[in-house]
């Protein structure tokens, strides 16, 4: 683990980047899970994906999902970490709906990872 003016980083072996930024201890724990998961070939948070969606006022917004994952079988997934309490928010529901459609159009699996 290292820190910089941009946040905290973790050394990785399954990412194209030797260091990956995380926003919370939950993300750090999930990065560790991905590193150890034998079905995961590669993963990153530094993917550059921005998924557009319309907010409650009809304004176009975008969000950056947490993880892009490639499994050893070649399938690709996007994982978004969210607390259960946030899943009920209208804004979160709009993001999820947009992410599901965006991923479906690209034959990518979208998963919400929630433990609270």
PDB file of N, CA and C in Angstrom:
ATOM      1  N   UNK A   1       0.840  -1.173   0.000  1.00  0.00           N
ATOM      2  CA  UNK A   1       0.000   0.000   0.000  1.00  0.00           C
ATOM      3  C   UNK A   1       0.885   1.235   0.000  1.00  0.00           C
ATOM      4  N   UNK A   2       0.503   2.229  -0.788  1.00  0.00           N
ATOM      5  CA  UNK A   2       1.223   3.496  -0.847  1.00  0.00           C
ATOM      6  C   UNK A   2       0.201   4.620  -0.921  1.00  0.00           C
ATOM      7  N   UNK A   3       0.622   5.818  -0.594  1.00  0.00           N
ATOM      8  CA  UNK A   3      -0.278   6.962  -0.702  1.00  0.00           C
ATOM      9  C   UNK A   3       0.373   8.048  -1.534  1.00  0.00           C
ATOM     10  N   UNK A   4      -0.473   8.875  -2.119  1.00  0.00           N
ATOM     11  CA  UNK A   4      -0.016  10.040  -2.875  1.00  0.00           C
ATOM     12  C   UNK A   4      -1.036  11.141  -2.677  1.00  0.00           C
ATOM     13  N   UNK A   5      -0.835  12.250  -3.337  1.00  0.00           N
ATOM     14  CA  UNK A   5      -1.794  13.344  -3.228  1.00  0.00           C
ATOM     15  C   UNK A   5      -3.146  12.960  -3.810  1.00  0.00           C
ATOM     16  N   UNK A   6      -3.195  11.887  -4.627  1.00  0.00           N
ATOM     17  CA  UNK A   6      -4.434  11.451  -5.266  1.00  0.00           C
ATOM     18  C   UNK A   6      -5.154  10.358  -4.495  1.00  0.00           C
ATOM     19  N   UNK A   7      -4.566   9.821  -3.438  1.00  0.00           N
ATOM     20  CA  UNK A   7      -5.239   8.799  -2.663  1.00  0.00           C
ATOM     21  C   UNK A   7      -4.326   7.643  -2.320  1.00  0.00           C
ATOM     22  N   UNK A   8      -4.938   6.516  -2.049  1.00  0.00           N
ATOM     23  CA  UNK A   8      -4.215   5.339  -1.611  1.00  0.00           C
ATOM     24  C   UNK A   8      -4.158   4.318  -2.736  1.00  0.00           C
ATOM     25  N   UNK A   9      -3.012   3.646  -2.839  1.00  0.00           N
ATOM     26  CA  UNK A   9      -2.787   2.698  -3.919  1.00  0.00           C
ATOM     27  C   UNK A   9      -2.397   1.346  -3.353  1.00  0.00           C
ATOM     28  N   UNK A  10      -2.678   0.312  -4.112  1.00  0.00           N
ATOM     29  CA  UNK A  10      -2.324  -1.044  -3.737  1.00  0.00           C
ATOM     30  C   UNK A  10      -1.520  -1.653  -4.882  1.00  0.00           C
ATOM     31  N   UNK A  11      -0.468  -2.397  -4.553  1.00  0.00           N
ATOM     32  CA  UNK A  11       0.309  -3.115  -5.551  1.00  0.00           C
ATOM     33  C   UNK A  11      -0.517  -4.293  -6.055  1.00  0.00           C
ATOM     34  N   UNK A  12      -0.492  -4.526  -7.370  1.00  0.00           N
ATOM     35  CA  UNK A  12      -1.305  -5.583  -7.964  1.00  0.00           C
ATOM     36  C   UNK A  12      -0.470  -6.473  -8.875  1.00  0.00           C
ATOM     37  N   UNK A  13      -0.989  -7.647  -9.159  1.00  0.00           N
ATOM     38  CA  UNK A  13      -0.343  -8.526 -10.130  1.00  0.00           C
ATOM     39  C   UNK A  13      -1.246  -8.837 -11.315  1.00  0.00           C
ATOM     40  N   UNK A  14      -2.565  -8.680 -11.164  1.00  0.00           N
ATOM     41  CA  UNK A  14      -3.503  -9.000 -12.242  1.00  0.00           C
ATOM     42  C   UNK A  14      -3.964  -7.759 -13.008  1.00  0.00           C
ATOM     43  N   UNK A  15      -3.410  -6.636 -12.689  1.00  0.00           N
ATOM     44  CA  UNK A  15      -3.745  -5.397 -13.396  1.00  0.00           C
ATOM     45  C   UNK A  15      -2.607  -5.050 -14.350  1.00  0.00           C
ATOM     46  N   UNK A  16      -2.943  -4.361 -15.434  1.00  0.00           N
ATOM     47  CA  UNK A  16      -1.908  -3.873 -16.347  1.00  0.00           C
ATOM     48  C   UNK A  16      -1.078  -2.781 -15.676  1.00  0.00           C
ATOM     49  N   UNK A  17      -1.593  -2.265 -14.568  1.00  0.00           N
ATOM     50  CA  UNK A  17      -0.916  -1.216 -13.820  1.00  0.00           C
ATOM     51  C   UNK A  17      -0.342  -1.824 -12.536  1.00  0.00           C
ATOM     52  N   UNK A  18       0.854  -1.467 -12.192  1.00  0.00           N
ATOM     53  CA  UNK A  18       1.467  -2.059 -10.995  1.00  0.00           C
ATOM     54  C   UNK A  18       0.832  -1.539  -9.708  1.00  0.00           C
ATOM     55  N   UNK A  19       0.198  -0.378  -9.779  1.00  0.00           N
ATOM     56  CA  UNK A  19      -0.506   0.186  -8.627  1.00  0.00           C
ATOM     57  C   UNK A  19      -1.924   0.548  -9.048  1.00  0.00           C
ATOM     58  N   UNK A  20      -2.887   0.295  -8.176  1.00  0.00           N
ATOM     59  CA  UNK A  20      -4.288   0.637  -8.422  1.00  0.00           C
ATOM     60  C   UNK A  20      -4.815   1.469  -7.260  1.00  0.00           C
ATOM     61  N   UNK A  21      -5.542   2.520  -7.583  1.00  0.00           N
ATOM     62  CA  UNK A  21      -6.142   3.423  -6.614  1.00  0.00           C
ATOM     63  C   UNK A  21      -7.422   2.816  -6.052  1.00  0.00           C
ATOM     64  N   UNK A  22      -7.673   3.015  -4.774  1.00  0.00           N
ATOM     65  CA  UNK A  22      -8.959   2.617  -4.198  1.00  0.00           C
ATOM     66  C   UNK A  22      -9.519   3.742  -3.348  1.00  0.00           C
ATOM     67  N   UNK A  23     -10.858   3.785  -3.297  1.00  0.00           N
ATOM     68  CA  UNK A  23     -11.570   4.858  -2.603  1.00  0.00           C
ATOM     69  C   UNK A  23     -11.956   4.519  -1.169  1.00  0.00           C
ATOM     70  N   UNK A  24     -11.949   3.237  -0.833  1.00  0.00           N
ATOM     71  CA  UNK A  24     -12.399   2.837   0.503  1.00  0.00           C
ATOM     72  C   UNK A  24     -11.745   1.512   0.878  1.00  0.00           C
ATOM     73  N   UNK A  25     -11.834   1.171   2.154  1.00  0.00           N
ATOM     74  CA  UNK A  25     -11.298  -0.115   2.591  1.00  0.00           C
ATOM     75  C   UNK A  25     -12.084  -1.256   1.963  1.00  0.00           C
ATOM     76  N   UNK A  26     -13.347  -1.038   1.670  1.00  0.00           N
ATOM     77  CA  UNK A  26     -14.160  -2.056   1.021  1.00  0.00           C
ATOM     78  C   UNK A  26     -13.616  -2.336  -0.385  1.00  0.00           C
ATOM     79  N   UNK A  27     -13.274  -1.286  -1.126  1.00  0.00           N
ATOM     80  CA  UNK A  27     -12.673  -1.474  -2.452  1.00  0.00           C
ATOM     81  C   UNK A  27     -11.318  -2.164  -2.333  1.00  0.00           C
ATOM     82  N   UNK A  28     -10.529  -1.785  -1.339  1.00  0.00           N
ATOM     83  CA  UNK A  28      -9.230  -2.436  -1.135  1.00  0.00           C
ATOM     84  C   UNK A  28      -9.416  -3.924  -0.875  1.00  0.00           C
ATOM     85  N   UNK A  29     -10.394  -4.271  -0.047  1.00  0.00           N
ATOM     86  CA  UNK A  29     -10.686  -5.672   0.231  1.00  0.00           C
ATOM     87  C   UNK A  29     -11.131  -6.401  -1.033  1.00  0.00           C
ATOM     88  N   UNK A  30     -11.923  -5.728  -1.864  1.00  0.00           N
ATOM     89  CA  UNK A  30     -12.397  -6.356  -3.092  1.00  0.00           C
ATOM     90  C   UNK A  30     -11.244  -6.554  -4.077  1.00  0.00           C
ATOM     91  N   UNK A  31     -10.315  -5.611  -4.109  1.00  0.00           N
ATOM     92  CA  UNK A  31      -9.122  -5.763  -4.945  1.00  0.00           C
ATOM     93  C   UNK A  31      -8.338  -6.999  -4.513  1.00  0.00           C
ATOM     94  N   UNK A  32      -8.212  -7.207  -3.234  1.00  0.00           N
ATOM     95  CA  UNK A  32      -7.523  -8.380  -2.709  1.00  0.00           C
ATOM     96  C   UNK A  32      -8.259  -9.657  -3.131  1.00  0.00           C
ATOM     97  N   UNK A  33      -9.590  -9.631  -3.051  1.00  0.00           N
ATOM     98  CA  UNK A  33     -10.397 -10.765  -3.492  1.00  0.00           C
ATOM     99  C   UNK A  33     -10.142 -11.066  -4.970  1.00  0.00           C
ATOM    100  N   UNK A  34     -10.127 -10.027  -5.817  1.00  0.00           N
ATOM    101  CA  UNK A  34      -9.893 -10.223  -7.250  1.00  0.00           C
ATOM    102  C   UNK A  34      -8.505 -10.785  -7.518  1.00  0.00           C
ATOM    103  N   UNK A  35      -7.519 -10.315  -6.764  1.00  0.00           N
ATOM    104  CA  UNK A  35      -6.147 -10.810  -6.925  1.00  0.00           C
ATOM    105  C   UNK A  35      -6.061 -12.305  -6.620  1.00  0.00           C
ATOM    106  N   UNK A  36      -6.813 -12.763  -5.635  1.00  0.00           N
ATOM    107  CA  UNK A  36      -6.759 -14.162  -5.200  1.00  0.00           C
ATOM    108  C   UNK A  36      -7.705 -15.071  -5.982  1.00  0.00           C
ATOM    109  N   UNK A  37      -8.700 -14.496  -6.639  1.00  0.00           N
ATOM    110  CA  UNK A  37      -9.725 -15.275  -7.326  1.00  0.00           C
ATOM    111  C   UNK A  37      -9.141 -15.937  -8.577  1.00  0.00           C
ATOM    112  N   UNK A  38      -9.120 -17.255  -8.584  1.00  0.00           N
ATOM    113  CA  UNK A  38      -8.498 -18.000  -9.678  1.00  0.00           C
ATOM    114  C   UNK A  38      -9.255 -17.891 -10.994  1.00  0.00           C
ATOM    115  N   UNK A  39     -10.521 -17.492 -10.960  1.00  0.00           N
ATOM    116  CA  UNK A  39     -11.274 -17.339 -12.204  1.00  0.00           C
ATOM    117  C   UNK A  39     -11.059 -15.963 -12.847  1.00  0.00           C
ATOM    118  N   UNK A  40     -10.406 -15.056 -12.124  1.00  0.00           N
ATOM    119  CA  UNK A  40     -10.128 -13.715 -12.654  1.00  0.00           C
ATOM    120  C   UNK A  40      -8.746 -13.700 -13.301  1.00  0.00           C
ATOM    121  N   UNK A  41      -8.733 -13.339 -14.589  1.00  0.00           N
ATOM    122  CA  UNK A  41      -7.477 -13.233 -15.333  1.00  0.00           C
ATOM    123  C   UNK A  41      -6.843 -11.857 -15.139  1.00  0.00           C
ATOM    124  N   UNK A  42      -7.675 -10.812 -15.219  1.00  0.00           N
ATOM    125  CA  UNK A  42      -7.171  -9.440 -15.093  1.00  0.00           C
ATOM    126  C   UNK A  42      -8.295  -8.540 -14.608  1.00  0.00           C
ATOM    127  N   UNK A  43      -7.910  -7.435 -13.975  1.00  0.00           N
ATOM    128  CA  UNK A  43      -8.886  -6.453 -13.501  1.00  0.00           C
ATOM    129  C   UNK A  43      -8.204  -5.095 -13.404  1.00  0.00           C
ATOM    130  N   UNK A  44      -9.028  -4.039 -13.395  1.00  0.00           N
ATOM    131  CA  UNK A  44      -8.510  -2.687 -13.178  1.00  0.00           C
ATOM    132  C   UNK A  44      -9.628  -1.752 -12.733  1.00  0.00           C
ATOM    133  N   UNK A  45      -9.240  -0.718 -12.022  1.00  0.00           N
ATOM    134  CA  UNK A  45     -10.128   0.412 -11.746  1.00  0.00           C
ATOM    135  C   UNK A  45      -9.804   1.552 -12.714  1.00  0.00           C
ATOM    136  N   UNK A  46      -8.663   1.452 -13.345  1.00  0.00           N
ATOM    137  CA  UNK A  46      -8.157   2.501 -14.233  1.00  0.00           C
ATOM    138  C   UNK A  46      -8.520   2.180 -15.682  1.00  0.00           C
ATOM    139  N   UNK A  47      -9.838   2.094 -15.953  1.00  0.00           N
ATOM    140  CA  UNK A  47     -10.320   1.631 -17.250  1.00  0.00           C
ATOM    141  C   UNK A  47     -10.818   2.733 -18.171  1.00  0.00           C
ATOM    142  N   UNK A  48     -11.128   3.890 -17.663  1.00  0.00           N
ATOM    143  CA  UNK A  48     -11.586   4.998 -18.496  1.00  0.00           C
ATOM    144  C   UNK A  48     -13.033   4.912 -18.962  1.00  0.00           C
ATOM    145  N   UNK A  49     -13.786   3.940 -18.469  1.00  0.00           N
ATOM    146  CA  UNK A  49     -15.191   3.798 -18.881  1.00  0.00           C
ATOM    147  C   UNK A  49     -16.042   4.829 -18.157  1.00  0.00           C
ATOM    148  N   UNK A  50     -16.859   5.535 -18.929  1.00  0.00           N
ATOM    149  CA  UNK A  50     -17.825   6.481 -18.385  1.00  0.00           C
ATOM    150  C   UNK A  50     -19.179   6.117 -18.989  1.00  0.00           C
ATOM    151  N   UNK A  51     -20.106   5.731 -18.153  1.00  0.00           N
ATOM    152  CA  UNK A  51     -21.425   5.304 -18.621  1.00  0.00           C
ATOM    153  C   UNK A  51     -22.396   6.474 -18.501  1.00  0.00           C
ATOM    154  N   UNK A  52     -22.969   6.904 -19.635  1.00  0.00           N
ATOM    155  CA  UNK A  52     -23.917   8.034 -19.586  1.00  0.00           C
ATOM    156  C   UNK A  52     -25.284   7.584 -19.064  1.00  0.00           C
ATOM    157  N   UNK A  53     -25.952   8.494 -18.384  1.00  0.00           N
ATOM    158  CA  UNK A  53     -27.314   8.250 -17.924  1.00  0.00           C
ATOM    159  C   UNK A  53     -28.001   9.596 -17.774  1.00  0.00           C
ATOM    160  N   UNK A  54     -29.328   9.586 -17.711  1.00  0.00           N
ATOM    161  CA  UNK A  54     -30.109  10.800 -17.490  1.00  0.00           C
ATOM    162  C   UNK A  54     -30.489  10.863 -16.016  1.00  0.00           C
ATOM    163  N   UNK A  55     -30.216  12.018 -15.387  1.00  0.00           N
ATOM    164  CA  UNK A  55     -30.583  12.165 -13.978  1.00  0.00           C
ATOM    165  C   UNK A  55     -32.083  12.433 -13.866  1.00  0.00           C
ATOM    166  N   UNK A  56     -32.546  12.660 -12.648  1.00  0.00           N
ATOM    167  CA  UNK A  56     -33.983  12.861 -12.404  1.00  0.00           C
ATOM    168  C   UNK A  56     -34.544  14.086 -13.107  1.00  0.00           C
ATOM    169  N   UNK A  57     -33.673  15.038 -13.473  1.00  0.00           N
ATOM    170  CA  UNK A  57     -34.103  16.245 -14.176  1.00  0.00           C
ATOM    171  C   UNK A  57     -33.920  16.139 -15.680  1.00  0.00           C
ATOM    172  N   UNK A  58     -33.523  14.956 -16.151  1.00  0.00           N
ATOM    173  CA  UNK A  58     -33.341  14.752 -17.583  1.00  0.00           C
ATOM    174  C   UNK A  58     -31.998  15.233 -18.112  1.00  0.00           C
ATOM    175  N   UNK A  59     -31.110  15.618 -17.218  1.00  0.00           N
ATOM    176  CA  UNK A  59     -29.784  16.077 -17.632  1.00  0.00           C
ATOM    177  C   UNK A  59     -28.856  14.872 -17.817  1.00  0.00           C
ATOM    178  N   UNK A  60     -28.060  14.914 -18.893  1.00  0.00           N
ATOM    179  CA  UNK A  60     -27.125  13.830 -19.150  1.00  0.00           C
ATOM    180  C   UNK A  60     -25.964  13.911 -18.162  1.00  0.00           C
ATOM    181  N   UNK A  61     -25.717  12.823 -17.505  1.00  0.00           N
ATOM    182  CA  UNK A  61     -24.608  12.681 -16.564  1.00  0.00           C
ATOM    183  C   UNK A  61     -23.843  11.427 -16.954  1.00  0.00           C
ATOM    184  N   UNK A  62     -22.774  11.164 -16.247  1.00  0.00           N
ATOM    185  CA  UNK A  62     -22.070   9.898 -16.453  1.00  0.00           C
ATOM    186  C   UNK A  62     -21.440   9.483 -15.135  1.00  0.00           C
ATOM    187  N   UNK A  63     -21.189   8.194 -15.041  1.00  0.00           N
ATOM    188  CA  UNK A  63     -20.483   7.715 -13.868  1.00  0.00           C
ATOM    189  C   UNK A  63     -19.441   6.691 -14.292  1.00  0.00           C
ATOM    190  N   UNK A  64     -18.444   6.542 -13.442  1.00  0.00           N
ATOM    191  CA  UNK A  64     -17.338   5.619 -13.697  1.00  0.00           C
ATOM    192  C   UNK A  64     -17.535   4.400 -12.802  1.00  0.00           C
ATOM    193  N   UNK A  65     -17.780   3.223 -13.384  1.00  0.00           N
ATOM    194  CA  UNK A  65     -17.939   2.032 -12.558  1.00  0.00           C
ATOM    195  C   UNK A  65     -16.627   1.665 -11.879  1.00  0.00           C
ATOM    196  N   UNK A  66     -16.725   0.910 -10.815  1.00  0.00           N
ATOM    197  CA  UNK A  66     -15.556   0.634  -9.981  1.00  0.00           C
ATOM    198  C   UNK A  66     -14.518  -0.292 -10.624  1.00  0.00           C
ATOM    199  N   UNK A  67     -14.950  -1.417 -11.166  1.00  0.00           N
ATOM    200  CA  UNK A  67     -13.981  -2.411 -11.641  1.00  0.00           C
ATOM    201  C   UNK A  67     -14.350  -2.957 -13.014  1.00  0.00           C
ATOM    202  N   UNK A  68     -13.351  -3.113 -13.856  1.00  0.00           N
ATOM    203  CA  UNK A  68     -13.469  -3.831 -15.120  1.00  0.00           C
ATOM    204  C   UNK A  68     -12.682  -5.124 -14.943  1.00  0.00           C
ATOM    205  N   UNK A  69     -13.327  -6.253 -15.217  1.00  0.00           N
ATOM    206  CA  UNK A  69     -12.738  -7.560 -14.931  1.00  0.00           C
ATOM    207  C   UNK A  69     -12.796  -8.444 -16.174  1.00  0.00           C
ATOM    208  N   UNK A  70     -11.699  -9.135 -16.441  1.00  0.00           N
ATOM    209  CA  UNK A  70     -11.677 -10.169 -17.482  1.00  0.00           C
ATOM    210  C   UNK A  70     -11.425 -11.505 -16.792  1.00  0.00           C
ATOM    211  N   UNK A  71     -12.314 -12.439 -17.022  1.00  0.00           N
ATOM    212  CA  UNK A  71     -12.190 -13.765 -16.434  1.00  0.00           C
ATOM    213  C   UNK A  71     -11.329 -14.658 -17.323  1.00  0.00           C
ATOM    214  N   UNK A  72     -10.842 -15.752 -16.768  1.00  0.00           N
ATOM    215  CA  UNK A  72      -9.976 -16.647 -17.538  1.00  0.00           C
ATOM    216  C   UNK A  72     -10.707 -17.280 -18.712  1.00  0.00           C
ATOM    217  N   UNK A  73     -12.056 -17.342 -18.655  1.00  0.00           N
ATOM    218  CA  UNK A  73     -12.829 -17.885 -19.777  1.00  0.00           C
ATOM    219  C   UNK A  73     -13.079 -16.844 -20.870  1.00  0.00           C
ATOM    220  N   UNK A  74     -12.528 -15.633 -20.685  1.00  0.00           N
ATOM    221  CA  UNK A  74     -12.650 -14.580 -21.682  1.00  0.00           C
ATOM    222  C   UNK A  74     -13.836 -13.652 -21.487  1.00  0.00           C
ATOM    223  N   UNK A  75     -14.740 -13.970 -20.572  1.00  0.00           N
ATOM    224  CA  UNK A  75     -15.876 -13.083 -20.335  1.00  0.00           C
ATOM    225  C   UNK A  75     -15.410 -11.819 -19.620  1.00  0.00           C
ATOM    226  N   UNK A  76     -16.145 -10.754 -19.855  1.00  0.00           N
ATOM    227  CA  UNK A  76     -15.810  -9.452 -19.278  1.00  0.00           C
ATOM    228  C   UNK A  76     -16.966  -9.004 -18.393  1.00  0.00           C
ATOM    229  N   UNK A  77     -16.622  -8.412 -17.258  1.00  0.00           N
ATOM    230  CA  UNK A  77     -17.623  -7.944 -16.298  1.00  0.00           C
ATOM    231  C   UNK A  77     -17.258  -6.559 -15.789  1.00  0.00           C
ATOM    232  N   UNK A  78     -18.288  -5.820 -15.435  1.00  0.00           N
ATOM    233  CA  UNK A  78     -18.117  -4.568 -14.701  1.00  0.00           C
ATOM    234  C   UNK A  78     -18.761  -4.788 -13.344  1.00  0.00           C
ATOM    235  N   UNK A  79     -18.018  -4.467 -12.286  1.00  0.00           N
ATOM    236  CA  UNK A  79     -18.526  -4.597 -10.922  1.00  0.00           C
ATOM    237  C   UNK A  79     -18.584  -3.210 -10.291  1.00  0.00           C
ATOM    238  N   UNK A  80     -19.720  -2.902  -9.725  1.00  0.00           N
ATOM    239  CA  UNK A  80     -19.935  -1.633  -9.027  1.00  0.00           C
ATOM    240  C   UNK A  80     -20.187  -1.942  -7.561  1.00  0.00           C
ATOM    241  N   UNK A  81     -19.397  -1.367  -6.684  1.00  0.00           N
ATOM    242  CA  UNK A  81     -19.565  -1.574  -5.247  1.00  0.00           C
ATOM    243  C   UNK A  81     -20.489  -0.481  -4.705  1.00  0.00           C
ATOM    244  N   UNK A  82     -21.558  -0.914  -4.035  1.00  0.00           N
ATOM    245  CA  UNK A  82     -22.530   0.023  -3.459  1.00  0.00           C
ATOM    246  C   UNK A  82     -23.048  -0.528  -2.144  1.00  0.00           C
ATOM    247  N   UNK A  83     -23.172   0.334  -1.176  1.00  0.00           N
ATOM    248  CA  UNK A  83     -23.838  -0.034   0.070  1.00  0.00           C
ATOM    249  C   UNK A  83     -25.321  -0.237  -0.202  1.00  0.00           C
ATOM    250  N   UNK A  84     -25.931  -1.191   0.488  1.00  0.00           N
ATOM    251  CA  UNK A  84     -27.343  -1.495   0.280  1.00  0.00           C
ATOM    252  C   UNK A  84     -28.218  -0.261   0.461  1.00  0.00           C
ATOM    253  N   UNK A  85     -27.865   0.577   1.422  1.00  0.00           N
ATOM    254  CA  UNK A  85     -28.663   1.786   1.668  1.00  0.00           C
ATOM    255  C   UNK A  85     -28.673   2.718   0.461  1.00  0.00           C
ATOM    256  N   UNK A  86     -27.638   2.662  -0.375  1.00  0.00           N
ATOM    257  CA  UNK A  86     -27.571   3.510  -1.565  1.00  0.00           C
ATOM    258  C   UNK A  86     -28.351   2.936  -2.742  1.00  0.00           C
ATOM    259  N   UNK A  87     -28.636   1.642  -2.705  1.00  0.00           N
ATOM    260  CA  UNK A  87     -29.335   0.996  -3.814  1.00  0.00           C
ATOM    261  C   UNK A  87     -30.778   1.476  -3.955  1.00  0.00           C
ATOM    262  N   UNK A  88     -31.327   2.027  -2.903  1.00  0.00           N
ATOM    263  CA  UNK A  88     -32.710   2.514  -2.931  1.00  0.00           C
ATOM    264  C   UNK A  88     -32.837   3.930  -3.488  1.00  0.00           C
ATOM    265  N   UNK A  89     -31.726   4.637  -3.605  1.00  0.00           N
ATOM    266  CA  UNK A  89     -31.777   6.019  -4.073  1.00  0.00           C
ATOM    267  C   UNK A  89     -32.139   6.089  -5.554  1.00  0.00           C
ATOM    268  N   UNK A  90     -33.003   7.026  -5.935  1.00  0.00           N
ATOM    269  CA  UNK A  90     -33.385   7.159  -7.345  1.00  0.00           C
ATOM    270  C   UNK A  90     -32.177   7.347  -8.275  1.00  0.00           C
ATOM    271  N   UNK A  91     -31.208   8.134  -7.868  1.00  0.00           N
ATOM    272  CA  UNK A  91     -30.025   8.376  -8.695  1.00  0.00           C
ATOM    273  C   UNK A  91     -29.245   7.076  -8.936  1.00  0.00           C
ATOM    274  N   UNK A  92     -29.114   6.259  -7.901  1.00  0.00           N
ATOM    275  CA  UNK A  92     -28.425   4.973  -8.036  1.00  0.00           C
ATOM    276  C   UNK A  92     -29.189   4.057  -8.980  1.00  0.00           C
ATOM    277  N   UNK A  93     -30.512   4.027  -8.864  1.00  0.00           N
ATOM    278  CA  UNK A  93     -31.326   3.195  -9.753  1.00  0.00           C
ATOM    279  C   UNK A  93     -31.146   3.607 -11.209  1.00  0.00           C
ATOM    280  N   UNK A  94     -31.053   4.901 -11.470  1.00  0.00           N
ATOM    281  CA  UNK A  94     -30.844   5.383 -12.841  1.00  0.00           C
ATOM    282  C   UNK A  94     -29.476   4.953 -13.365  1.00  0.00           C
ATOM    283  N   UNK A  95     -28.470   5.038 -12.516  1.00  0.00           N
ATOM    284  CA  UNK A  95     -27.123   4.609 -12.911  1.00  0.00           C
ATOM    285  C   UNK A  95     -27.096   3.114 -13.220  1.00  0.00           C
ATOM    286  N   UNK A  96     -27.720   2.332 -12.375  1.00  0.00           N
ATOM    287  CA  UNK A  96     -27.738   0.876 -12.569  1.00  0.00           C
ATOM    288  C   UNK A  96     -28.454   0.513 -13.869  1.00  0.00           C
ATOM    289  N   UNK A  97     -29.591   1.129 -14.100  1.00  0.00           N
ATOM    290  CA  UNK A  97     -30.354   0.851 -15.329  1.00  0.00           C
ATOM    291  C   UNK A  97     -29.517   1.184 -16.562  1.00  0.00           C
ATOM    292  N   UNK A  98     -28.847   2.318 -16.536  1.00  0.00           N
ATOM    293  CA  UNK A  98     -28.003   2.716 -17.668  1.00  0.00           C
ATOM    294  C   UNK A  98     -26.828   1.761 -17.834  1.00  0.00           C
ATOM    295  N   UNK A  99     -26.225   1.354 -16.722  1.00  0.00           N
ATOM    296  CA  UNK A  99     -25.082   0.436 -16.778  1.00  0.00           C
ATOM    297  C   UNK A  99     -25.503  -0.920 -17.327  1.00  0.00           C
ATOM    298  N   UNK A 100     -26.658  -1.393 -16.915  1.00  0.00           N
ATOM    299  CA  UNK A 100     -27.141  -2.678 -17.423  1.00  0.00           C
ATOM    300  C   UNK A 100     -27.341  -2.623 -18.933  1.00  0.00           C
ATOM    301  N   UNK A 101     -27.941  -1.543 -19.427  1.00  0.00           N
ATOM    302  CA  UNK A 101     -28.163  -1.402 -20.873  1.00  0.00           C
ATOM    303  C   UNK A 101     -26.837  -1.249 -21.618  1.00  0.00           C
ATOM    304  N   UNK A 102     -25.925  -0.444 -21.071  1.00  0.00           N
ATOM    305  CA  UNK A 102     -24.614  -0.218 -21.689  1.00  0.00           C
ATOM    306  C   UNK A 102     -23.853  -1.536 -21.792  1.00  0.00           C
ATOM    307  N   UNK A 103     -23.857  -2.303 -20.726  1.00  0.00           N
ATOM    308  CA  UNK A 103     -23.140  -3.584 -20.704  1.00  0.00           C
ATOM    309  C   UNK A 103     -23.800  -4.603 -21.628  1.00  0.00           C
ATOM    310  N   UNK A 104     -25.117  -4.672 -21.618  1.00  0.00           N
ATOM    311  CA  UNK A 104     -25.823  -5.622 -22.476  1.00  0.00           C
ATOM    312  C   UNK A 104     -25.485  -5.380 -23.946  1.00  0.00           C
ATOM    313  N   UNK A 105     -25.425  -4.121 -24.344  1.00  0.00           N
ATOM    314  CA  UNK A 105     -25.105  -3.782 -25.737  1.00  0.00           C
ATOM    315  C   UNK A 105     -23.692  -4.215 -26.121  1.00  0.00           C
ATOM    316  N   UNK A 106     -22.837  -4.406 -25.130  1.00  0.00           N
ATOM    317  CA  UNK A 106     -21.434  -4.780 -25.371  1.00  0.00           C
ATOM    318  C   UNK A 106     -21.125  -6.226 -24.953  1.00  0.00           C
ATOM    319  N   UNK A 107     -22.177  -6.962 -24.591  1.00  0.00           N
ATOM    320  CA  UNK A 107     -22.031  -8.353 -24.134  1.00  0.00           C
ATOM    321  C   UNK A 107     -21.086  -8.467 -22.946  1.00  0.00           C
ATOM    322  N   UNK A 108     -21.260  -7.530 -22.020  1.00  0.00           N
ATOM    323  CA  UNK A 108     -20.509  -7.484 -20.770  1.00  0.00           C
ATOM    324  C   UNK A 108     -21.507  -7.707 -19.633  1.00  0.00           C
ATOM    325  N   UNK A 109     -21.107  -8.433 -18.623  1.00  0.00           N
ATOM    326  CA  UNK A 109     -21.957  -8.652 -17.450  1.00  0.00           C
ATOM    327  C   UNK A 109     -21.765  -7.500 -16.468  1.00  0.00           C
ATOM    328  N   UNK A 110     -22.870  -6.988 -15.946  1.00  0.00           N
ATOM    329  CA  UNK A 110     -22.825  -5.937 -14.926  1.00  0.00           C
ATOM    330  C   UNK A 110     -23.275  -6.532 -13.602  1.00  0.00           C
ATOM    331  N   UNK A 111     -22.486  -6.306 -12.557  1.00  0.00           N
ATOM    332  CA  UNK A 111     -22.832  -6.814 -11.227  1.00  0.00           C
ATOM    333  C   UNK A 111     -22.701  -5.718 -10.186  1.00  0.00           C
ATOM    334  N   UNK A 112     -23.675  -5.688  -9.300  1.00  0.00           N
ATOM    335  CA  UNK A 112     -23.603  -4.837  -8.121  1.00  0.00           C
ATOM    336  C   UNK A 112     -23.030  -5.710  -7.000  1.00  0.00           C
ATOM    337  N   UNK A 113     -22.024  -5.213  -6.337  1.00  0.00           N
ATOM    338  CA  UNK A 113     -21.420  -5.895  -5.199  1.00  0.00           C
ATOM    339  C   UNK A 113     -21.814  -5.096  -3.961  1.00  0.00           C
ATOM    340  N   UNK A 114     -22.580  -5.728  -3.080  1.00  0.00           N
ATOM    341  CA  UNK A 114     -23.058  -5.042  -1.885  1.00  0.00           C
ATOM    342  C   UNK A 114     -23.027  -5.994  -0.700  1.00  0.00           C
ATOM    343  N   UNK A 115     -22.501  -5.516   0.385  1.00  0.00           N
ATOM    344  CA  UNK A 115     -22.490  -6.374   1.576  1.00  0.00           C
ATOM    345  C   UNK A 115     -23.115  -5.683   2.779  1.00  0.00           C
ATOM    346  N   UNK A 116     -23.572  -4.470   2.612  1.00  0.00           N
ATOM    347  CA  UNK A 116     -24.214  -3.760   3.733  1.00  0.00           C
ATOM    348  C   UNK A 116     -25.598  -3.337   3.344  1.00  0.00           C
TER     349      UNK A 116
END
